[in-house]
Amino acid sequence: MEMDQQTVMSRTGISKVMRKEPQAPERKRKTRGAGELVGLGLRIKRDVWLALHERATHKRTNVTQLVIDLLNEDRGRDGLPPVG
């Protein structure tokens, strides 16, 4: 028994899928930087990295805290309150 293409398509339900209008995908809101903590990537020359790392090691801290401390010193000179 041979079935025509329309019969096969209606029995399998594929014709319903084929008739549907394509819908635009729902846009997702970007959440980058929206949380409490934000990741930061830097591209710096190796000698700059070594200087930062050496300074942080000398102060017995990490590079992140060193950058925050340097930012707060700079803000203090401008009369602004410290961050973090």
C-alpha atoms as a PDB file:
ATOM      1  CA  MET A   1       0.000   0.000   0.000  1.00  0.00           C
ATOM      2  CA  GLU A   2       1.502   3.256  -1.114  1.00  0.00           C
ATOM      3  CA  MET A   3       0.680   6.546   0.557  1.00  0.00           C
ATOM      4  CA  ASP A   4       1.106   9.886  -1.016  1.00  0.00           C
ATOM      5  CA  GLN A   5       3.375  12.451   0.557  1.00  0.00           C
ATOM      6  CA  GLN A   6       0.498  14.537   1.964  1.00  0.00           C
ATOM      7  CA  THR A   7      -0.946  11.521   3.799  1.00  0.00           C
ATOM      8  CA  VAL A   8       2.407  10.616   5.324  1.00  0.00           C
ATOM      9  CA  MET A   9       3.011  14.202   6.371  1.00  0.00           C
ATOM     10  CA  SER A  10      -0.407  14.542   8.012  1.00  0.00           C
ATOM     11  CA  ARG A  11      -0.093  11.230   9.852  1.00  0.00           C
ATOM     12  CA  THR A  12       3.321  12.065  11.281  1.00  0.00           C
ATOM     13  CA  GLY A  13       2.342  15.589  12.204  1.00  0.00           C
ATOM     14  CA  ILE A  14       5.165  17.092  10.191  1.00  0.00           C
ATOM     15  CA  SER A  15       2.773  19.162   8.113  1.00  0.00           C
ATOM     16  CA  LYS A  16       1.778  21.060  11.263  1.00  0.00           C
ATOM     17  CA  VAL A  17       5.382  21.855  11.957  1.00  0.00           C
ATOM     18  CA  MET A  18       6.022  22.900   8.381  1.00  0.00           C
ATOM     19  CA  ARG A  19       2.987  25.231   8.326  1.00  0.00           C
ATOM     20  CA  LYS A  20       3.986  27.174  11.427  1.00  0.00           C
ATOM     21  CA  GLU A  21       5.306  30.658  10.874  1.00  0.00           C
ATOM     22  CA  PRO A  22       8.888  31.083  12.009  1.00  0.00           C
ATOM     23  CA  GLN A  23       8.995  33.098  15.216  1.00  0.00           C
ATOM     24  CA  ALA A  24      11.767  35.409  16.260  1.00  0.00           C
ATOM     25  CA  PRO A  25      13.619  33.953  19.239  1.00  0.00           C
ATOM     26  CA  GLU A  26      12.955  35.663  22.548  1.00  0.00           C
ATOM     27  CA  ARG A  27      15.784  38.046  23.367  1.00  0.00           C
ATOM     28  CA  LYS A  28      17.663  37.272  26.528  1.00  0.00           C
ATOM     29  CA  ARG A  29      18.775  40.121  28.728  1.00  0.00           C
ATOM     30  CA  LYS A  30      22.485  40.299  29.098  1.00  0.00           C
ATOM     31  CA  THR A  31      23.524  39.838  32.688  1.00  0.00           C
ATOM     32  CA  ARG A  32      27.185  40.712  32.363  1.00  0.00           C
ATOM     33  CA  GLY A  33      28.252  42.966  35.168  1.00  0.00           C
ATOM     34  CA  ALA A  34      24.847  42.820  36.850  1.00  0.00           C
ATOM     35  CA  GLY A  35      25.903  40.768  39.872  1.00  0.00           C
ATOM     36  CA  GLU A  36      27.713  41.632  43.073  1.00  0.00           C
ATOM     37  CA  LEU A  37      31.060  40.503  41.626  1.00  0.00           C
ATOM     38  CA  VAL A  38      32.283  41.331  38.138  1.00  0.00           C
ATOM     39  CA  GLY A  39      35.095  39.528  36.320  1.00  0.00           C
ATOM     40  CA  LEU A  40      37.759  41.579  34.609  1.00  0.00           C
ATOM     41  CA  GLY A  41      40.266  40.515  32.005  1.00  0.00           C
ATOM     42  CA  LEU A  42      43.277  42.638  31.161  1.00  0.00           C
ATOM     43  CA  ARG A  43      45.786  42.380  28.373  1.00  0.00           C
ATOM     44  CA  ILE A  44      49.021  43.864  29.661  1.00  0.00           C
ATOM     45  CA  LYS A  45      52.644  43.432  28.772  1.00  0.00           C
ATOM     46  CA  ARG A  46      54.575  40.831  30.700  1.00  0.00           C
ATOM     47  CA  ASP A  47      56.866  43.365  32.383  1.00  0.00           C
ATOM     48  CA  VAL A  48      53.814  45.260  33.691  1.00  0.00           C
ATOM     49  CA  TRP A  49      52.348  41.996  35.006  1.00  0.00           C
ATOM     50  CA  LEU A  50      55.623  41.122  36.710  1.00  0.00           C
ATOM     51  CA  ALA A  51      55.779  44.562  38.340  1.00  0.00           C
ATOM     52  CA  LEU A  52      52.193  44.243  39.598  1.00  0.00           C
ATOM     53  CA  HIS A  53      52.779  40.730  40.857  1.00  0.00           C
ATOM     54  CA  GLU A  54      56.052  41.701  42.547  1.00  0.00           C
ATOM     55  CA  ARG A  55      54.440  44.704  44.245  1.00  0.00           C
ATOM     56  CA  ALA A  56      51.486  42.619  45.451  1.00  0.00           C
ATOM     57  CA  THR A  57      53.808  39.915  46.790  1.00  0.00           C
ATOM     58  CA  HIS A  58      55.925  42.530  48.566  1.00  0.00           C
ATOM     59  CA  LYS A  59      52.787  43.988  50.211  1.00  0.00           C
ATOM     60  CA  ARG A  60      51.559  40.452  51.058  1.00  0.00           C
ATOM     61  CA  THR A  61      48.331  40.883  49.107  1.00  0.00           C
ATOM     62  CA  ASN A  62      46.941  39.871  45.727  1.00  0.00           C
ATOM     63  CA  VAL A  63      46.863  41.846  42.492  1.00  0.00           C
ATOM     64  CA  THR A  64      43.129  42.544  42.816  1.00  0.00           C
ATOM     65  CA  GLN A  65      43.502  44.114  46.253  1.00  0.00           C
ATOM     66  CA  LEU A  66      46.586  46.017  45.092  1.00  0.00           C
ATOM     67  CA  VAL A  67      44.609  47.585  42.246  1.00  0.00           C
ATOM     68  CA  ILE A  68      41.761  48.482  44.633  1.00  0.00           C
ATOM     69  CA  ASP A  69      44.258  50.061  47.067  1.00  0.00           C
ATOM     70  CA  LEU A  70      45.871  52.077  44.263  1.00  0.00           C
ATOM     71  CA  LEU A  71      42.433  53.208  43.081  1.00  0.00           C
ATOM     72  CA  ASN A  72      41.494  54.308  46.600  1.00  0.00           C
ATOM     73  CA  GLU A  73      44.767  56.268  46.954  1.00  0.00           C
ATOM     74  CA  ASP A  74      44.017  58.037  43.671  1.00  0.00           C
ATOM     75  CA  ARG A  75      40.421  58.742  44.709  1.00  0.00           C
ATOM     76  CA  GLY A  76      41.668  60.074  48.063  1.00  0.00           C
ATOM     77  CA  ARG A  77      43.897  62.581  46.280  1.00  0.00           C
ATOM     78  CA  ASP A  78      40.830  63.783  44.364  1.00  0.00           C
ATOM     79  CA  GLY A  79      38.821  64.092  47.587  1.00  0.00           C
ATOM     80  CA  LEU A  80      36.563  61.133  46.791  1.00  0.00           C
ATOM     81  CA  PRO A  81      35.574  58.371  49.225  1.00  0.00           C
ATOM     82  CA  PRO A  82      37.225  54.956  48.926  1.00  0.00           C
ATOM     83  CA  VAL A  83      35.562  52.030  47.171  1.00  0.00           C
ATOM     84  CA  GLY A  84      35.397  48.340  48.061  1.00  0.00           C
END
